[in-house]
């Protein structure tokens, strides 16, 4: 099964993703795995088989290891892994930095889940 790792320090994000993608998860389209910190996410990525995750969606502003730092680490060990950065900040500086560091997409909050689902499915289908 295709696995998507969602990284966000706000616990409500997990509830939201589980609610929005309840049908897709139930139908086996993909599995959602959650991490509440960059450190936890990095540990999961390092400890899993290298093909375990097809996509990471990470918040940028988190205590400890930030989303940008996580992105750098992930691209250093698994450059082929798709990473979407997510933030409430819409400034072009953050978006440019995300692309520069190797992000495949930049998702602004509040999230347009219809558009996000399309992007997610195109990545995990590849």
PDB file of N, CA and C in Angstrom:
ATOM      1  N   UNK A   1       0.838  -1.180   0.000  1.00  0.00           N
ATOM      2  CA  UNK A   1       0.000   0.000   0.000  1.00  0.00           C
ATOM      3  C   UNK A   1       0.883   1.244   0.000  1.00  0.00           C
ATOM      4  N   UNK A   2       0.448   2.264  -0.698  1.00  0.00           N
ATOM      5  CA  UNK A   2       1.169   3.535  -0.773  1.00  0.00           C
ATOM      6  C   UNK A   2       1.049   4.254   0.567  1.00  0.00           C
ATOM      7  N   UNK A   3       2.192   4.748   1.062  1.00  0.00           N
ATOM      8  CA  UNK A   3       2.198   5.440   2.354  1.00  0.00           C
ATOM      9  C   UNK A   3       2.565   6.906   2.180  1.00  0.00           C
ATOM     10  N   UNK A   4       1.782   7.756   2.852  1.00  0.00           N
ATOM     11  CA  UNK A   4       2.035   9.195   2.852  1.00  0.00           C
ATOM     12  C   UNK A   4       2.305   9.605   4.291  1.00  0.00           C
ATOM     13  N   UNK A   5       3.433  10.263   4.503  1.00  0.00           N
ATOM     14  CA  UNK A   5       3.819  10.723   5.833  1.00  0.00           C
ATOM     15  C   UNK A   5       3.436  12.186   5.982  1.00  0.00           C
ATOM     16  N   UNK A   6       2.586  12.474   6.958  1.00  0.00           N
ATOM     17  CA  UNK A   6       2.149  13.841   7.249  1.00  0.00           C
ATOM     18  C   UNK A   6       2.887  14.298   8.500  1.00  0.00           C
ATOM     19  N   UNK A   7       3.597  15.432   8.397  1.00  0.00           N
ATOM     20  CA  UNK A   7       4.402  15.930   9.509  1.00  0.00           C
ATOM     21  C   UNK A   7       3.885  17.300   9.926  1.00  0.00           C
ATOM     22  N   UNK A   8       3.339  17.388  11.123  1.00  0.00           N
ATOM     23  CA  UNK A   8       2.826  18.660  11.643  1.00  0.00           C
ATOM     24  C   UNK A   8       2.737  18.568  13.152  1.00  0.00           C
ATOM     25  N   UNK A   9       3.171  19.631  13.822  1.00  0.00           N
ATOM     26  CA  UNK A   9       3.162  19.630  15.285  1.00  0.00           C
ATOM     27  C   UNK A   9       1.782  19.911  15.865  1.00  0.00           C
ATOM     28  N   UNK A  10       0.830  20.303  15.040  1.00  0.00           N
ATOM     29  CA  UNK A  10      -0.536  20.536  15.517  1.00  0.00           C
ATOM     30  C   UNK A  10      -1.328  19.239  15.380  1.00  0.00           C
ATOM     31  N   UNK A  11      -1.766  18.715  16.510  1.00  0.00           N
ATOM     32  CA  UNK A  11      -2.473  17.423  16.505  1.00  0.00           C
ATOM     33  C   UNK A  11      -3.787  17.470  15.731  1.00  0.00           C
ATOM     34  N   UNK A  12      -4.393  18.651  15.622  1.00  0.00           N
ATOM     35  CA  UNK A  12      -5.653  18.772  14.891  1.00  0.00           C
ATOM     36  C   UNK A  12      -5.475  18.455  13.406  1.00  0.00           C
ATOM     37  N   UNK A  13      -4.254  18.602  12.904  1.00  0.00           N
ATOM     38  CA  UNK A  13      -3.988  18.304  11.498  1.00  0.00           C
ATOM     39  C   UNK A  13      -4.226  16.822  11.215  1.00  0.00           C
ATOM     40  N   UNK A  14      -3.815  15.964  12.128  1.00  0.00           N
ATOM     41  CA  UNK A  14      -4.037  14.527  11.951  1.00  0.00           C
ATOM     42  C   UNK A  14      -5.530  14.234  11.848  1.00  0.00           C
ATOM     43  N   UNK A  15      -6.299  14.794  12.755  1.00  0.00           N
ATOM     44  CA  UNK A  15      -7.748  14.598  12.746  1.00  0.00           C
ATOM     45  C   UNK A  15      -8.341  15.062  11.414  1.00  0.00           C
ATOM     46  N   UNK A  16      -7.892  16.218  10.948  1.00  0.00           N
ATOM     47  CA  UNK A  16      -8.407  16.782   9.708  1.00  0.00           C
ATOM     48  C   UNK A  16      -8.097  15.883   8.508  1.00  0.00           C
ATOM     49  N   UNK A  17      -6.856  15.448   8.382  1.00  0.00           N
ATOM     50  CA  UNK A  17      -6.476  14.565   7.269  1.00  0.00           C
ATOM     51  C   UNK A  17      -7.231  13.235   7.341  1.00  0.00           C
ATOM     52  N   UNK A  18      -7.372  12.682   8.544  1.00  0.00           N
ATOM     53  CA  UNK A  18      -8.102  11.416   8.693  1.00  0.00           C
ATOM     54  C   UNK A  18      -9.557  11.576   8.282  1.00  0.00           C
ATOM     55  N   UNK A  19     -10.140  12.714   8.616  1.00  0.00           N
ATOM     56  CA  UNK A  19     -11.534  12.966   8.280  1.00  0.00           C
ATOM     57  C   UNK A  19     -11.701  13.179   6.772  1.00  0.00           C
ATOM     58  N   UNK A  20     -10.864  14.032   6.201  1.00  0.00           N
ATOM     59  CA  UNK A  20     -10.975  14.360   4.780  1.00  0.00           C
ATOM     60  C   UNK A  20     -10.708  13.143   3.890  1.00  0.00           C
ATOM     61  N   UNK A  21      -9.723  12.327   4.264  1.00  0.00           N
ATOM     62  CA  UNK A  21      -9.331  11.195   3.420  1.00  0.00           C
ATOM     63  C   UNK A  21      -9.807   9.845   3.960  1.00  0.00           C
ATOM     64  N   UNK A  22     -10.875   9.866   4.746  1.00  0.00           N
ATOM     65  CA  UNK A  22     -11.408   8.643   5.350  1.00  0.00           C
ATOM     66  C   UNK A  22     -11.754   7.590   4.294  1.00  0.00           C
ATOM     67  N   UNK A  23     -12.440   7.999   3.247  1.00  0.00           N
ATOM     68  CA  UNK A  23     -12.857   7.061   2.199  1.00  0.00           C
ATOM     69  C   UNK A  23     -11.649   6.483   1.465  1.00  0.00           C
ATOM     70  N   UNK A  24     -10.695   7.333   1.106  1.00  0.00           N
ATOM     71  CA  UNK A  24      -9.516   6.881   0.365  1.00  0.00           C
ATOM     72  C   UNK A  24      -8.695   5.881   1.177  1.00  0.00           C
ATOM     73  N   UNK A  25      -8.565   6.156   2.469  1.00  0.00           N
ATOM     74  CA  UNK A  25      -7.825   5.244   3.348  1.00  0.00           C
ATOM     75  C   UNK A  25      -8.584   3.926   3.475  1.00  0.00           C
ATOM     76  N   UNK A  26      -9.899   4.025   3.686  1.00  0.00           N
ATOM     77  CA  UNK A  26     -10.730   2.824   3.827  1.00  0.00           C
ATOM     78  C   UNK A  26     -10.699   1.975   2.558  1.00  0.00           C
ATOM     79  N   UNK A  27     -10.681   2.643   1.396  1.00  0.00           N
ATOM     80  CA  UNK A  27     -10.661   1.935   0.108  1.00  0.00           C
ATOM     81  C   UNK A  27      -9.273   1.432  -0.274  1.00  0.00           C
ATOM     82  N   UNK A  28      -8.276   1.729   0.558  1.00  0.00           N
ATOM     83  CA  UNK A  28      -6.929   1.236   0.306  1.00  0.00           C
ATOM     84  C   UNK A  28      -6.144   2.003  -0.748  1.00  0.00           C
ATOM     85  N   UNK A  29      -6.590   3.232  -1.074  1.00  0.00           N
ATOM     86  CA  UNK A  29      -5.849   4.031  -2.059  1.00  0.00           C
ATOM     87  C   UNK A  29      -4.470   4.402  -1.524  1.00  0.00           C
ATOM     88  N   UNK A  30      -4.425   4.706  -0.237  1.00  0.00           N
ATOM     89  CA  UNK A  30      -3.165   5.023   0.424  1.00  0.00           C
ATOM     90  C   UNK A  30      -3.350   4.944   1.927  1.00  0.00           C
ATOM     91  N   UNK A  31      -2.227   4.926   2.614  1.00  0.00           N
ATOM     92  CA  UNK A  31      -2.218   4.911   4.078  1.00  0.00           C
ATOM     93  C   UNK A  31      -1.580   6.212   4.549  1.00  0.00           C
ATOM     94  N   UNK A  32      -2.160   6.816   5.581  1.00  0.00           N
ATOM     95  CA  UNK A  32      -1.596   8.036   6.156  1.00  0.00           C
ATOM     96  C   UNK A  32      -0.850   7.684   7.438  1.00  0.00           C
ATOM     97  N   UNK A  33       0.390   8.130   7.529  1.00  0.00           N
ATOM     98  CA  UNK A  33       1.218   7.962   8.719  1.00  0.00           C
ATOM     99  C   UNK A  33       1.487   9.370   9.237  1.00  0.00           C
ATOM    100  N   UNK A  34       1.441   9.547  10.553  1.00  0.00           N
ATOM    101  CA  UNK A  34       1.591  10.892  11.119  1.00  0.00           C
ATOM    102  C   UNK A  34       2.800  11.001  12.032  1.00  0.00           C
ATOM    103  N   UNK A  35       3.440  12.166  11.965  1.00  0.00           N
ATOM    104  CA  UNK A  35       4.538  12.515  12.871  1.00  0.00           C
ATOM    105  C   UNK A  35       4.261  13.909  13.406  1.00  0.00           C
ATOM    106  N   UNK A  36       4.529  14.114  14.698  1.00  0.00           N
ATOM    107  CA  UNK A  36       4.273  15.429  15.285  1.00  0.00           C
ATOM    108  C   UNK A  36       5.530  16.293  15.365  1.00  0.00           C
ATOM    109  N   UNK A  37       6.633  15.792  14.815  1.00  0.00           N
ATOM    110  CA  UNK A  37       7.861  16.598  14.806  1.00  0.00           C
ATOM    111  C   UNK A  37       8.744  16.175  13.641  1.00  0.00           C
ATOM    112  N   UNK A  38       9.635  17.074  13.268  1.00  0.00           N
ATOM    113  CA  UNK A  38      10.598  16.753  12.227  1.00  0.00           C
ATOM    114  C   UNK A  38      11.505  15.617  12.638  1.00  0.00           C
ATOM    115  N   UNK A  39      11.882  15.605  13.915  1.00  0.00           N
ATOM    116  CA  UNK A  39      12.760  14.548  14.425  1.00  0.00           C
ATOM    117  C   UNK A  39      12.093  13.177  14.323  1.00  0.00           C
ATOM    118  N   UNK A  40      10.830  13.110  14.725  1.00  0.00           N
ATOM    119  CA  UNK A  40      10.084  11.851  14.660  1.00  0.00           C
ATOM    120  C   UNK A  40       9.947  11.383  13.207  1.00  0.00           C
ATOM    121  N   UNK A  41       9.661  12.320  12.320  1.00  0.00           N
ATOM    122  CA  UNK A  41       9.522  11.981  10.903  1.00  0.00           C
ATOM    123  C   UNK A  41      10.830  11.443  10.341  1.00  0.00           C
ATOM    124  N   UNK A  42      11.924  12.107  10.659  1.00  0.00           N
ATOM    125  CA  UNK A  42      13.231  11.679  10.158  1.00  0.00           C
ATOM    126  C   UNK A  42      13.574  10.279  10.654  1.00  0.00           C
ATOM    127  N   UNK A  43      13.234  10.018  11.904  1.00  0.00           N
ATOM    128  CA  UNK A  43      13.465   8.684  12.481  1.00  0.00           C
ATOM    129  C   UNK A  43      12.665   7.624  11.716  1.00  0.00           C
ATOM    130  N   UNK A  44      11.399   7.938  11.418  1.00  0.00           N
ATOM    131  CA  UNK A  44      10.554   6.995  10.674  1.00  0.00           C
ATOM    132  C   UNK A  44      11.119   6.745   9.277  1.00  0.00           C
ATOM    133  N   UNK A  45      11.581   7.801   8.635  1.00  0.00           N
ATOM    134  CA  UNK A  45      12.120   7.672   7.280  1.00  0.00           C
ATOM    135  C   UNK A  45      13.386   6.819   7.286  1.00  0.00           C
ATOM    136  N   UNK A  46      14.250   7.059   8.248  1.00  0.00           N
ATOM    137  CA  UNK A  46      15.509   6.311   8.326  1.00  0.00           C
ATOM    138  C   UNK A  46      15.293   4.845   8.699  1.00  0.00           C
ATOM    139  N   UNK A  47      14.276   4.574   9.512  1.00  0.00           N
ATOM    140  CA  UNK A  47      14.046   3.210   9.994  1.00  0.00           C
ATOM    141  C   UNK A  47      13.185   2.355   9.070  1.00  0.00           C
ATOM    142  N   UNK A  48      12.548   2.969   8.108  1.00  0.00           N
ATOM    143  CA  UNK A  48      11.695   2.226   7.178  1.00  0.00           C
ATOM    144  C   UNK A  48      12.503   1.783   5.965  1.00  0.00           C
ATOM    145  N   UNK A  49      11.974   0.819   5.258  1.00  0.00           N
ATOM    146  CA  UNK A  49      12.519   0.419   3.965  1.00  0.00           C
ATOM    147  C   UNK A  49      12.570   1.667   3.080  1.00  0.00           C
ATOM    148  N   UNK A  50      13.540   1.756   2.202  1.00  0.00           N
ATOM    149  CA  UNK A  50      13.706   2.986   1.436  1.00  0.00           C
ATOM    150  C   UNK A  50      12.536   3.311   0.517  1.00  0.00           C
ATOM    151  N   UNK A  51      11.706   2.355   0.211  1.00  0.00           N
ATOM    152  CA  UNK A  51      10.528   2.615  -0.615  1.00  0.00           C
ATOM    153  C   UNK A  51       9.240   2.674   0.203  1.00  0.00           C
ATOM    154  N   UNK A  52       9.364   2.789   1.518  1.00  0.00           N
ATOM    155  CA  UNK A  52       8.184   2.747   2.386  1.00  0.00           C
ATOM    156  C   UNK A  52       7.237   3.913   2.141  1.00  0.00           C
ATOM    157  N   UNK A  53       7.782   5.113   1.994  1.00  0.00           N
ATOM    158  CA  UNK A  53       6.943   6.298   1.799  1.00  0.00           C
ATOM    159  C   UNK A  53       7.046   6.775   0.362  1.00  0.00           C
ATOM    160  N   UNK A  54       5.908   7.143  -0.204  1.00  0.00           N
ATOM    161  CA  UNK A  54       5.892   7.697  -1.550  1.00  0.00           C
ATOM    162  C   UNK A  54       5.830   9.221  -1.521  1.00  0.00           C
ATOM    163  N   UNK A  55       5.381   9.778  -0.389  1.00  0.00           N
ATOM    164  CA  UNK A  55       5.199  11.224  -0.299  1.00  0.00           C
ATOM    165  C   UNK A  55       5.281  11.657   1.153  1.00  0.00           C
ATOM    166  N   UNK A  56       5.874  12.831   1.357  1.00  0.00           N
ATOM    167  CA  UNK A  56       5.879  13.477   2.670  1.00  0.00           C
ATOM    168  C   UNK A  56       5.217  14.835   2.500  1.00  0.00           C
ATOM    169  N   UNK A  57       4.310  15.162   3.404  1.00  0.00           N
ATOM    170  CA  UNK A  57       3.723  16.501   3.450  1.00  0.00           C
ATOM    171  C   UNK A  57       4.097  17.065   4.810  1.00  0.00           C
ATOM    172  N   UNK A  58       4.923  18.110   4.809  1.00  0.00           N
ATOM    173  CA  UNK A  58       5.450  18.632   6.068  1.00  0.00           C
ATOM    174  C   UNK A  58       5.137  20.106   6.272  1.00  0.00           C
ATOM    175  N   UNK A  59       4.729  20.410   7.483  1.00  0.00           N
ATOM    176  CA  UNK A  59       4.597  21.799   7.912  1.00  0.00           C
ATOM    177  C   UNK A  59       5.996  22.407   7.923  1.00  0.00           C
ATOM    178  N   UNK A  60       6.089  23.707   7.816  1.00  0.00           N
ATOM    179  CA  UNK A  60       7.393  24.370   7.848  1.00  0.00           C
ATOM    180  C   UNK A  60       7.765  24.771   9.267  1.00  0.00           C
ATOM    181  N   UNK A  61       6.839  25.447   9.946  1.00  0.00           N
ATOM    182  CA  UNK A  61       7.142  25.973  11.280  1.00  0.00           C
ATOM    183  C   UNK A  61       6.802  24.966  12.364  1.00  0.00           C
ATOM    184  N   UNK A  62       7.848  24.314  12.868  1.00  0.00           N
ATOM    185  CA  UNK A  62       7.686  23.352  13.956  1.00  0.00           C
ATOM    186  C   UNK A  62       8.836  23.556  14.925  1.00  0.00           C
ATOM    187  N   UNK A  63       8.588  23.307  16.216  1.00  0.00           N
ATOM    188  CA  UNK A  63       9.702  23.391  17.173  1.00  0.00           C
ATOM    189  C   UNK A  63      10.727  22.298  16.885  1.00  0.00           C
ATOM    190  N   UNK A  64      11.960  22.542  17.256  1.00  0.00           N
ATOM    191  CA  UNK A  64      13.009  21.557  16.978  1.00  0.00           C
ATOM    192  C   UNK A  64      13.387  21.613  15.516  1.00  0.00           C
ATOM    193  N   UNK A  65      13.387  20.468  14.873  1.00  0.00           N
ATOM    194  CA  UNK A  65      13.738  20.368  13.459  1.00  0.00           C
ATOM    195  C   UNK A  65      12.615  20.968  12.611  1.00  0.00           C
ATOM    196  N   UNK A  66      12.898  22.069  11.942  1.00  0.00           N
ATOM    197  CA  UNK A  66      11.868  22.734  11.132  1.00  0.00           C
ATOM    198  C   UNK A  66      11.581  21.924   9.870  1.00  0.00           C
ATOM    199  N   UNK A  67      10.514  22.299   9.198  1.00  0.00           N
ATOM    200  CA  UNK A  67      10.179  21.625   7.950  1.00  0.00           C
ATOM    201  C   UNK A  67      11.267  21.779   6.899  1.00  0.00           C
ATOM    202  N   UNK A  68      11.890  22.969   6.836  1.00  0.00           N
ATOM    203  CA  UNK A  68      12.980  23.183   5.882  1.00  0.00           C
ATOM    204  C   UNK A  68      14.177  22.300   6.213  1.00  0.00           C
ATOM    205  N   UNK A  69      14.489  22.175   7.492  1.00  0.00           N
ATOM    206  CA  UNK A  69      15.607  21.311   7.901  1.00  0.00           C
ATOM    207  C   UNK A  69      15.294  19.847   7.591  1.00  0.00           C
ATOM    208  N   UNK A  70      14.050  19.450   7.836  1.00  0.00           N
ATOM    209  CA  UNK A  70      13.625  18.086   7.498  1.00  0.00           C
ATOM    210  C   UNK A  70      13.761  17.845   5.996  1.00  0.00           C
ATOM    211  N   UNK A  71      13.326  18.815   5.207  1.00  0.00           N
ATOM    212  CA  UNK A  71      13.418  18.711   3.755  1.00  0.00           C
ATOM    213  C   UNK A  71      14.867  18.492   3.312  1.00  0.00           C
ATOM    214  N   UNK A  72      15.791  19.275   3.872  1.00  0.00           N
ATOM    215  CA  UNK A  72      17.218  19.125   3.536  1.00  0.00           C
ATOM    216  C   UNK A  72      17.711  17.723   3.877  1.00  0.00           C
ATOM    217  N   UNK A  73      17.348  17.248   5.069  1.00  0.00           N
ATOM    218  CA  UNK A  73      17.768  15.910   5.516  1.00  0.00           C
ATOM    219  C   UNK A  73      17.212  14.819   4.598  1.00  0.00           C
ATOM    220  N   UNK A  74      15.921  14.925   4.301  1.00  0.00           N
ATOM    221  CA  UNK A  74      15.264  13.912   3.465  1.00  0.00           C
ATOM    222  C   UNK A  74      15.892  13.874   2.078  1.00  0.00           C
ATOM    223  N   UNK A  75      16.086  15.030   1.477  1.00  0.00           N
ATOM    224  CA  UNK A  75      16.661  15.078   0.127  1.00  0.00           C
ATOM    225  C   UNK A  75      18.113  14.600   0.130  1.00  0.00           C
ATOM    226  N   UNK A  76      18.783  14.706   1.287  1.00  0.00           N
ATOM    227  CA  UNK A  76      20.145  14.205   1.406  1.00  0.00           C
ATOM    228  C   UNK A  76      20.219  12.688   1.437  1.00  0.00           C
ATOM    229  N   UNK A  77      19.209  12.052   2.042  1.00  0.00           N
ATOM    230  CA  UNK A  77      19.242  10.589   2.159  1.00  0.00           C
ATOM    231  C   UNK A  77      18.333   9.879   1.159  1.00  0.00           C
ATOM    232  N   UNK A  78      17.262  10.554   0.742  1.00  0.00           N
ATOM    233  CA  UNK A  78      16.308   9.962  -0.212  1.00  0.00           C
ATOM    234  C   UNK A  78      15.891  11.021  -1.244  1.00  0.00           C
ATOM    235  N   UNK A  79      16.796  11.400  -2.133  1.00  0.00           N
ATOM    236  CA  UNK A  79      16.494  12.487  -3.079  1.00  0.00           C
ATOM    237  C   UNK A  79      15.288  12.215  -3.980  1.00  0.00           C
ATOM    238  N   UNK A  80      14.963  10.950  -4.179  1.00  0.00           N
ATOM    239  CA  UNK A  80      13.835  10.601  -5.053  1.00  0.00           C
ATOM    240  C   UNK A  80      12.478  10.743  -4.369  1.00  0.00           C
ATOM    241  N   UNK A  81      12.464  10.879  -3.058  1.00  0.00           N
ATOM    242  CA  UNK A  81      11.215  10.954  -2.294  1.00  0.00           C
ATOM    243  C   UNK A  81      10.541  12.311  -2.501  1.00  0.00           C
ATOM    244  N   UNK A  82       9.279  12.297  -2.873  1.00  0.00           N
ATOM    245  CA  UNK A  82       8.530  13.537  -3.094  1.00  0.00           C
ATOM    246  C   UNK A  82       8.164  14.171  -1.761  1.00  0.00           C
ATOM    247  N   UNK A  83       8.353  15.494  -1.688  1.00  0.00           N
ATOM    248  CA  UNK A  83       8.055  16.232  -0.466  1.00  0.00           C
ATOM    249  C   UNK A  83       7.255  17.480  -0.822  1.00  0.00           C
ATOM    250  N   UNK A  84       6.104  17.631  -0.168  1.00  0.00           N
ATOM    251  CA  UNK A  84       5.312  18.854  -0.265  1.00  0.00           C
ATOM    252  C   UNK A  84       5.507  19.611   1.038  1.00  0.00           C
ATOM    253  N   UNK A  85       5.780  20.905   0.953  1.00  0.00           N
ATOM    254  CA  UNK A  85       5.866  21.740   2.149  1.00  0.00           C
ATOM    255  C   UNK A  85       4.517  22.420   2.338  1.00  0.00           C
ATOM    256  N   UNK A  86       4.131  22.597   3.595  1.00  0.00           N
ATOM    257  CA  UNK A  86       2.826  23.162   3.915  1.00  0.00           C
ATOM    258  C   UNK A  86       2.985  24.282   4.932  1.00  0.00           C
ATOM    259  N   UNK A  87       2.312  25.409   4.671  1.00  0.00           N
ATOM    260  CA  UNK A  87       2.427  26.539   5.592  1.00  0.00           C
ATOM    261  C   UNK A  87       1.278  27.515   5.393  1.00  0.00           C
ATOM    262  N   UNK A  88       0.966  28.237   6.455  1.00  0.00           N
ATOM    263  CA  UNK A  88      -0.029  29.300   6.368  1.00  0.00           C
ATOM    264  C   UNK A  88       0.580  30.548   5.727  1.00  0.00           C
ATOM    265  N   UNK A  89       1.909  30.596   5.690  1.00  0.00           N
ATOM    266  CA  UNK A  89       2.595  31.740   5.093  1.00  0.00           C
ATOM    267  C   UNK A  89       2.584  31.609   3.580  1.00  0.00           C
ATOM    268  N   UNK A  90       2.176  32.693   2.917  1.00  0.00           N
ATOM    269  CA  UNK A  90       2.059  32.652   1.463  1.00  0.00           C
ATOM    270  C   UNK A  90       3.138  33.468   0.761  1.00  0.00           C
ATOM    271  N   UNK A  91       4.131  33.963   1.519  1.00  0.00           N
ATOM    272  CA  UNK A  91       5.154  34.804   0.898  1.00  0.00           C
ATOM    273  C   UNK A  91       6.008  34.010  -0.089  1.00  0.00           C
ATOM    274  N   UNK A  92       6.464  34.705  -1.110  1.00  0.00           N
ATOM    275  CA  UNK A  92       7.240  34.049  -2.161  1.00  0.00           C
ATOM    276  C   UNK A  92       8.622  33.626  -1.680  1.00  0.00           C
ATOM    277  N   UNK A  93       9.156  34.270  -0.648  1.00  0.00           N
ATOM    278  CA  UNK A  93      10.473  33.889  -0.129  1.00  0.00           C
ATOM    279  C   UNK A  93      10.463  32.445   0.381  1.00  0.00           C
ATOM    280  N   UNK A  94       9.454  32.103   1.168  1.00  0.00           N
ATOM    281  CA  UNK A  94       9.354  30.733   1.694  1.00  0.00           C
ATOM    282  C   UNK A  94       9.117  29.733   0.567  1.00  0.00           C
ATOM    283  N   UNK A  95       8.261  30.102  -0.355  1.00  0.00           N
ATOM    284  CA  UNK A  95       7.983  29.204  -1.477  1.00  0.00           C
ATOM    285  C   UNK A  95       9.236  28.979  -2.318  1.00  0.00           C
ATOM    286  N   UNK A  96       9.992  30.049  -2.548  1.00  0.00           N
ATOM    287  CA  UNK A  96      11.237  29.936  -3.322  1.00  0.00           C
ATOM    288  C   UNK A  96      12.258  29.074  -2.597  1.00  0.00           C
ATOM    289  N   UNK A  97      12.377  29.271  -1.279  1.00  0.00           N
ATOM    290  CA  UNK A  97      13.322  28.478  -0.495  1.00  0.00           C
ATOM    291  C   UNK A  97      12.940  26.999  -0.532  1.00  0.00           C
ATOM    292  N   UNK A  98      11.647  26.732  -0.415  1.00  0.00           N
ATOM    293  CA  UNK A  98      11.173  25.342  -0.464  1.00  0.00           C
ATOM    294  C   UNK A  98      11.581  24.688  -1.789  1.00  0.00           C
ATOM    295  N   UNK A  99      11.352  25.377  -2.890  1.00  0.00           N
ATOM    296  CA  UNK A  99      11.715  24.842  -4.211  1.00  0.00           C
ATOM    297  C   UNK A  99      13.226  24.661  -4.325  1.00  0.00           C
ATOM    298  N   UNK A 100      13.961  25.663  -3.825  1.00  0.00           N
ATOM    299  CA  UNK A 100      15.431  25.622  -3.859  1.00  0.00           C
ATOM    300  C   UNK A 100      15.979  24.401  -3.115  1.00  0.00           C
ATOM    301  N   UNK A 101      15.327  24.064  -2.002  1.00  0.00           N
ATOM    302  CA  UNK A 101      15.771  22.935  -1.180  1.00  0.00           C
ATOM    303  C   UNK A 101      15.281  21.583  -1.710  1.00  0.00           C
ATOM    304  N   UNK A 102      14.457  21.624  -2.755  1.00  0.00           N
ATOM    305  CA  UNK A 102      14.038  20.370  -3.377  1.00  0.00           C
ATOM    306  C   UNK A 102      12.588  19.976  -3.187  1.00  0.00           C
ATOM    307  N   UNK A 103      11.773  20.870  -2.618  1.00  0.00           N
ATOM    308  CA  UNK A 103      10.353  20.539  -2.435  1.00  0.00           C
ATOM    309  C   UNK A 103       9.678  20.366  -3.793  1.00  0.00           C
ATOM    310  N   UNK A 104       8.786  19.408  -3.866  1.00  0.00           N
ATOM    311  CA  UNK A 104       8.056  19.152  -5.102  1.00  0.00           C
ATOM    312  C   UNK A 104       6.831  20.044  -5.238  1.00  0.00           C
ATOM    313  N   UNK A 105       6.351  20.561  -4.106  1.00  0.00           N
ATOM    314  CA  UNK A 105       5.201  21.459  -4.142  1.00  0.00           C
ATOM    315  C   UNK A 105       5.133  22.235  -2.834  1.00  0.00           C
ATOM    316  N   UNK A 106       4.354  23.318  -2.853  1.00  0.00           N
ATOM    317  CA  UNK A 106       4.159  24.161  -1.674  1.00  0.00           C
ATOM    318  C   UNK A 106       2.657  24.309  -1.491  1.00  0.00           C
ATOM    319  N   UNK A 107       2.152  23.824  -0.383  1.00  0.00           N
ATOM    320  CA  UNK A 107       0.716  23.831  -0.099  1.00  0.00           C
ATOM    321  C   UNK A 107       0.433  24.913   0.937  1.00  0.00           C
ATOM    322  N   UNK A 108      -0.490  25.827   0.618  1.00  0.00           N
ATOM    323  CA  UNK A 108      -0.818  26.867   1.591  1.00  0.00           C
ATOM    324  C   UNK A 108      -2.016  26.448   2.432  1.00  0.00           C
ATOM    325  N   UNK A 109      -1.970  26.863   3.692  1.00  0.00           N
ATOM    326  CA  UNK A 109      -3.078  26.618   4.617  1.00  0.00           C
ATOM    327  C   UNK A 109      -3.954  27.865   4.630  1.00  0.00           C
ATOM    328  N   UNK A 110      -5.259  27.749   4.741  1.00  0.00           N
ATOM    329  CA  UNK A 110      -5.988  26.488   4.821  1.00  0.00           C
ATOM    330  C   UNK A 110      -5.852  25.694   3.520  1.00  0.00           C
ATOM    331  N   UNK A 111      -5.767  24.402   3.678  1.00  0.00           N
ATOM    332  CA  UNK A 111      -5.495  23.500   2.560  1.00  0.00           C
ATOM    333  C   UNK A 111      -6.734  23.301   1.690  1.00  0.00           C
ATOM    334  N   UNK A 112      -6.536  23.395   0.387  1.00  0.00           N
ATOM    335  CA  UNK A 112      -7.567  23.040  -0.586  1.00  0.00           C
ATOM    336  C   UNK A 112      -7.419  21.529  -0.791  1.00  0.00           C
ATOM    337  N   UNK A 113      -8.224  20.746  -0.082  1.00  0.00           N
ATOM    338  CA  UNK A 113      -8.049  19.297  -0.083  1.00  0.00           C
ATOM    339  C   UNK A 113      -8.398  18.631  -1.413  1.00  0.00           C
ATOM    340  N   UNK A 114      -9.251  19.257  -2.209  1.00  0.00           N
ATOM    341  CA  UNK A 114      -9.564  18.693  -3.526  1.00  0.00           C
ATOM    342  C   UNK A 114      -8.318  18.769  -4.409  1.00  0.00           C
ATOM    343  N   UNK A 115      -7.680  19.938  -4.433  1.00  0.00           N
ATOM    344  CA  UNK A 115      -6.451  20.115  -5.222  1.00  0.00           C
ATOM    345  C   UNK A 115      -5.325  19.253  -4.656  1.00  0.00           C
ATOM    346  N   UNK A 116      -5.231  19.187  -3.328  1.00  0.00           N
ATOM    347  CA  UNK A 116      -4.178  18.387  -2.701  1.00  0.00           C
ATOM    348  C   UNK A 116      -4.329  16.912  -3.062  1.00  0.00           C
ATOM    349  N   UNK A 117      -5.558  16.413  -3.040  1.00  0.00           N
ATOM    350  CA  UNK A 117      -5.779  14.997  -3.371  1.00  0.00           C
ATOM    351  C   UNK A 117      -5.297  14.694  -4.790  1.00  0.00           C
ATOM    352  N   UNK A 118      -5.590  15.586  -5.727  1.00  0.00           N
ATOM    353  CA  UNK A 118      -5.132  15.401  -7.109  1.00  0.00           C
ATOM    354  C   UNK A 118      -3.613  15.305  -7.165  1.00  0.00           C
ATOM    355  N   UNK A 119      -2.950  16.219  -6.462  1.00  0.00           N
ATOM    356  CA  UNK A 119      -1.483  16.238  -6.445  1.00  0.00           C
ATOM    357  C   UNK A 119      -0.930  14.983  -5.776  1.00  0.00           C
ATOM    358  N   UNK A 120      -1.550  14.589  -4.674  1.00  0.00           N
ATOM    359  CA  UNK A 120      -1.110  13.389  -3.960  1.00  0.00           C
ATOM    360  C   UNK A 120      -1.218  12.158  -4.854  1.00  0.00           C
ATOM    361  N   UNK A 121      -2.362  12.007  -5.496  1.00  0.00           N
ATOM    362  CA  UNK A 121      -2.586  10.833  -6.338  1.00  0.00           C
ATOM    363  C   UNK A 121      -1.644  10.809  -7.536  1.00  0.00           C
ATOM    364  N   UNK A 122      -1.332  11.986  -8.088  1.00  0.00           N
ATOM    365  CA  UNK A 122      -0.410  12.000  -9.229  1.00  0.00           C
ATOM    366  C   UNK A 122       0.994  11.579  -8.801  1.00  0.00           C
ATOM    367  N   UNK A 123       1.389  11.926  -7.579  1.00  0.00           N
ATOM    368  CA  UNK A 123       2.716  11.540  -7.080  1.00  0.00           C
ATOM    369  C   UNK A 123       2.770  10.051  -6.766  1.00  0.00           C
ATOM    370  N   UNK A 124       1.767   9.547  -6.058  1.00  0.00           N
ATOM    371  CA  UNK A 124       1.843   8.143  -5.643  1.00  0.00           C
ATOM    372  C   UNK A 124       1.533   7.177  -6.783  1.00  0.00           C
ATOM    373  N   UNK A 125       0.931   7.670  -7.858  1.00  0.00           N
ATOM    374  CA  UNK A 125       0.649   6.816  -9.014  1.00  0.00           C
ATOM    375  C   UNK A 125       1.880   6.650  -9.903  1.00  0.00           C
ATOM    376  N   UNK A 126       2.826   7.564  -9.761  1.00  0.00           N
ATOM    377  CA  UNK A 126       4.023   7.546 -10.636  1.00  0.00           C
ATOM    378  C   UNK A 126       4.929   6.373 -10.338  1.00  0.00           C
TER     379      UNK A 126
END
